Amino acid sequence: MTDSTPQRIEEPDITLDGAAETDTVEIPQPQDSYVKLAMRNMVRKGRQSLWHFFLTTVGLVGLLVGLAYLTKP
């Protein structure tokens, strides 16, 4: 799981007298894509996701068979 806080990278800053100072540069983390979040959610809720997939498949096949029956010559 990724953390939404930005990472900090320290870069040395060389001054004229030779002493090194460190500046902190923040790099923002990219947000997770919708597909990645959906896959993570599907893995977390496996049984419910499989049940919804089954219902969607049965509904779609039923719709196609029903349309084929209604449009039969």
N, C-alpha and C. Protein backbone atom coordinates (compact mmCIF):
# COMPACT_ATOMS: atom_id res chain seq x y z
N MET A 1 0.85 -1.16 0.00
CA MET A 1 0.00 0.00 0.00
C MET A 1 0.90 1.23 0.00
N THR A 2 0.61 2.19 -0.85
CA THR A 2 1.45 3.37 -0.95
C THR A 2 0.97 4.43 0.02
N ASP A 3 1.90 5.22 0.44
CA ASP A 3 1.60 6.32 1.36
C ASP A 3 1.38 7.57 0.53
N SER A 4 0.41 8.38 0.89
CA SER A 4 0.10 9.56 0.08
C SER A 4 0.96 10.76 0.45
N THR A 5 1.85 10.64 1.44
CA THR A 5 2.71 11.75 1.80
C THR A 5 3.86 11.84 0.82
N PRO A 6 4.28 13.05 0.49
CA PRO A 6 5.37 13.20 -0.47
C PRO A 6 6.70 12.70 0.11
N GLN A 7 7.55 12.19 -0.77
CA GLN A 7 8.87 11.76 -0.35
C GLN A 7 9.77 12.97 -0.24
N ARG A 8 10.75 12.85 0.63
CA ARG A 8 11.72 13.93 0.77
C ARG A 8 13.08 13.43 0.32
N ILE A 9 13.72 14.21 -0.53
CA ILE A 9 15.05 13.88 -1.01
C ILE A 9 15.96 15.04 -0.63
N GLU A 10 17.06 14.73 0.01
CA GLU A 10 17.99 15.78 0.41
C GLU A 10 19.07 15.93 -0.65
N GLU A 11 19.26 17.18 -1.10
CA GLU A 11 20.30 17.48 -2.08
C GLU A 11 21.32 18.40 -1.43
N PRO A 12 22.60 18.08 -1.54
CA PRO A 12 23.60 18.97 -0.94
C PRO A 12 23.71 20.27 -1.73
N ASP A 13 23.88 21.35 -1.01
CA ASP A 13 24.04 22.67 -1.63
C ASP A 13 25.42 23.17 -1.20
N ILE A 14 26.31 23.29 -2.16
CA ILE A 14 27.68 23.70 -1.86
C ILE A 14 27.73 25.23 -1.84
N THR A 15 28.20 25.77 -0.73
CA THR A 15 28.34 27.23 -0.61
C THR A 15 29.75 27.63 -0.99
N LEU A 16 30.00 28.94 -1.05
CA LEU A 16 31.31 29.43 -1.46
C LEU A 16 32.41 29.06 -0.48
N ASP A 17 32.06 28.91 0.81
CA ASP A 17 33.11 28.59 1.77
C ASP A 17 33.37 27.09 1.87
N GLY A 18 32.71 26.26 1.03
CA GLY A 18 32.97 24.84 0.99
C GLY A 18 32.09 24.01 1.91
N ALA A 19 31.30 24.63 2.77
CA ALA A 19 30.42 23.88 3.66
C ALA A 19 29.18 23.44 2.88
N ALA A 20 28.76 22.25 3.16
CA ALA A 20 27.60 21.71 2.44
C ALA A 20 26.34 21.90 3.29
N GLU A 21 25.32 22.48 2.70
CA GLU A 21 24.01 22.59 3.34
C GLU A 21 23.07 21.64 2.61
N THR A 22 22.05 21.16 3.30
CA THR A 22 21.11 20.25 2.64
C THR A 22 19.76 20.94 2.52
N ASP A 23 19.24 20.94 1.30
CA ASP A 23 17.90 21.45 1.02
C ASP A 23 16.98 20.26 0.83
N THR A 24 15.76 20.38 1.29
CA THR A 24 14.79 19.31 1.15
C THR A 24 13.88 19.64 -0.03
N VAL A 25 13.80 18.69 -0.97
CA VAL A 25 12.95 18.84 -2.14
C VAL A 25 11.83 17.82 -2.03
N GLU A 26 10.59 18.27 -2.14
CA GLU A 26 9.45 17.36 -2.05
C GLU A 26 9.02 16.93 -3.45
N ILE A 27 8.87 15.62 -3.63
CA ILE A 27 8.41 15.06 -4.89
C ILE A 27 7.02 14.48 -4.65
N PRO A 28 5.97 15.03 -5.26
CA PRO A 28 4.62 14.49 -5.02
C PRO A 28 4.46 13.11 -5.64
N GLN A 29 3.78 12.23 -4.91
CA GLN A 29 3.51 10.88 -5.39
C GLN A 29 2.30 10.90 -6.32
N PRO A 30 2.35 10.20 -7.44
CA PRO A 30 1.18 10.15 -8.32
C PRO A 30 0.05 9.38 -7.65
N GLN A 31 -1.18 9.83 -7.88
CA GLN A 31 -2.33 9.13 -7.31
C GLN A 31 -2.58 7.85 -8.09
N ASP A 32 -3.11 6.85 -7.39
CA ASP A 32 -3.40 5.58 -8.04
C ASP A 32 -4.48 5.76 -9.08
N SER A 33 -4.38 5.01 -10.18
CA SER A 33 -5.37 5.11 -11.24
C SER A 33 -6.66 4.40 -10.82
N TYR A 34 -7.72 4.68 -11.53
CA TYR A 34 -9.02 4.08 -11.23
C TYR A 34 -8.96 2.56 -11.37
N VAL A 35 -8.24 2.08 -12.39
CA VAL A 35 -8.14 0.64 -12.62
C VAL A 35 -7.41 -0.03 -11.46
N LYS A 36 -6.33 0.59 -11.00
CA LYS A 36 -5.56 0.02 -9.89
C LYS A 36 -6.41 -0.03 -8.62
N LEU A 37 -7.16 1.03 -8.34
CA LEU A 37 -8.03 1.03 -7.17
C LEU A 37 -9.14 0.00 -7.30
N ALA A 38 -9.69 -0.17 -8.51
CA ALA A 38 -10.76 -1.17 -8.71
C ALA A 38 -10.21 -2.58 -8.52
N MET A 39 -9.03 -2.85 -9.03
CA MET A 39 -8.43 -4.18 -8.86
C MET A 39 -8.14 -4.46 -7.39
N ARG A 40 -7.63 -3.46 -6.67
CA ARG A 40 -7.35 -3.64 -5.25
C ARG A 40 -8.63 -3.92 -4.47
N ASN A 41 -9.69 -3.20 -4.84
CA ASN A 41 -10.98 -3.40 -4.18
C ASN A 41 -11.55 -4.78 -4.50
N MET A 42 -11.35 -5.25 -5.74
CA MET A 42 -11.87 -6.56 -6.14
C MET A 42 -11.14 -7.68 -5.39
N VAL A 43 -9.84 -7.52 -5.19
CA VAL A 43 -9.09 -8.52 -4.44
C VAL A 43 -9.53 -8.53 -2.98
N ARG A 44 -9.79 -7.35 -2.43
CA ARG A 44 -10.19 -7.24 -1.04
C ARG A 44 -11.57 -7.84 -0.80
N LYS A 45 -12.47 -7.70 -1.76
CA LYS A 45 -13.84 -8.21 -1.62
C LYS A 45 -14.08 -9.29 -2.67
N GLY A 46 -13.32 -10.37 -2.60
CA GLY A 46 -13.33 -11.40 -3.63
C GLY A 46 -14.66 -12.06 -3.86
N ARG A 47 -15.33 -12.56 -2.80
CA ARG A 47 -16.59 -13.29 -2.97
C ARG A 47 -17.67 -12.39 -3.56
N GLN A 48 -17.78 -11.18 -3.06
CA GLN A 48 -18.81 -10.26 -3.55
C GLN A 48 -18.54 -9.89 -5.01
N SER A 49 -17.27 -9.68 -5.37
CA SER A 49 -16.93 -9.35 -6.75
C SER A 49 -17.27 -10.49 -7.69
N LEU A 50 -16.98 -11.73 -7.27
CA LEU A 50 -17.32 -12.88 -8.12
C LEU A 50 -18.82 -13.03 -8.28
N TRP A 51 -19.59 -12.79 -7.22
CA TRP A 51 -21.04 -12.87 -7.29
C TRP A 51 -21.59 -11.82 -8.26
N HIS A 52 -21.09 -10.60 -8.19
CA HIS A 52 -21.54 -9.54 -9.10
C HIS A 52 -21.15 -9.86 -10.54
N PHE A 53 -19.96 -10.42 -10.75
CA PHE A 53 -19.54 -10.81 -12.08
C PHE A 53 -20.47 -11.89 -12.63
N PHE A 54 -20.82 -12.88 -11.80
CA PHE A 54 -21.74 -13.95 -12.21
C PHE A 54 -23.10 -13.38 -12.58
N LEU A 55 -23.65 -12.49 -11.74
CA LEU A 55 -24.96 -11.89 -12.04
C LEU A 55 -24.93 -11.08 -13.33
N THR A 56 -23.85 -10.33 -13.54
CA THR A 56 -23.73 -9.54 -14.76
C THR A 56 -23.67 -10.44 -15.99
N THR A 57 -22.92 -11.53 -15.90
CA THR A 57 -22.80 -12.46 -17.02
C THR A 57 -24.14 -13.11 -17.34
N VAL A 58 -24.85 -13.58 -16.31
CA VAL A 58 -26.16 -14.21 -16.52
C VAL A 58 -27.14 -13.20 -17.10
N GLY A 59 -27.12 -11.98 -16.60
CA GLY A 59 -28.02 -10.94 -17.12
C GLY A 59 -27.74 -10.61 -18.57
N LEU A 60 -26.46 -10.49 -18.91
CA LEU A 60 -26.10 -10.16 -20.29
C LEU A 60 -26.45 -11.29 -21.25
N VAL A 61 -26.18 -12.53 -20.86
CA VAL A 61 -26.53 -13.68 -21.70
C VAL A 61 -28.06 -13.77 -21.84
N GLY A 62 -28.77 -13.54 -20.74
CA GLY A 62 -30.24 -13.55 -20.79
C GLY A 62 -30.78 -12.47 -21.72
N LEU A 63 -30.19 -11.29 -21.67
CA LEU A 63 -30.61 -10.20 -22.55
C LEU A 63 -30.37 -10.56 -24.02
N LEU A 64 -29.20 -11.11 -24.31
CA LEU A 64 -28.89 -11.47 -25.70
C LEU A 64 -29.79 -12.60 -26.21
N VAL A 65 -30.06 -13.60 -25.37
CA VAL A 65 -30.95 -14.69 -25.78
C VAL A 65 -32.37 -14.16 -25.97
N GLY A 66 -32.81 -13.28 -25.08
CA GLY A 66 -34.14 -12.69 -25.20
C GLY A 66 -34.28 -11.86 -26.47
N LEU A 67 -33.28 -11.06 -26.79
CA LEU A 67 -33.33 -10.28 -28.03
C LEU A 67 -33.29 -11.18 -29.26
N ALA A 68 -32.50 -12.25 -29.20
CA ALA A 68 -32.44 -13.17 -30.32
C ALA A 68 -33.81 -13.86 -30.51
N TYR A 69 -34.49 -14.20 -29.44
CA TYR A 69 -35.78 -14.84 -29.51
C TYR A 69 -36.83 -13.87 -30.08
N LEU A 70 -36.79 -12.61 -29.63
CA LEU A 70 -37.77 -11.63 -30.08
C LEU A 70 -37.58 -11.23 -31.54
N THR A 71 -36.34 -11.25 -32.00
CA THR A 71 -36.08 -10.82 -33.39
C THR A 71 -36.01 -12.00 -34.34
N LYS A 72 -36.43 -13.16 -33.89
CA LYS A 72 -36.43 -14.36 -34.74
C LYS A 72 -37.49 -14.18 -35.84
N PRO A 73 -37.17 -14.52 -37.12
CA PRO A 73 -38.15 -14.34 -38.21
C PRO A 73 -39.32 -15.30 -38.13
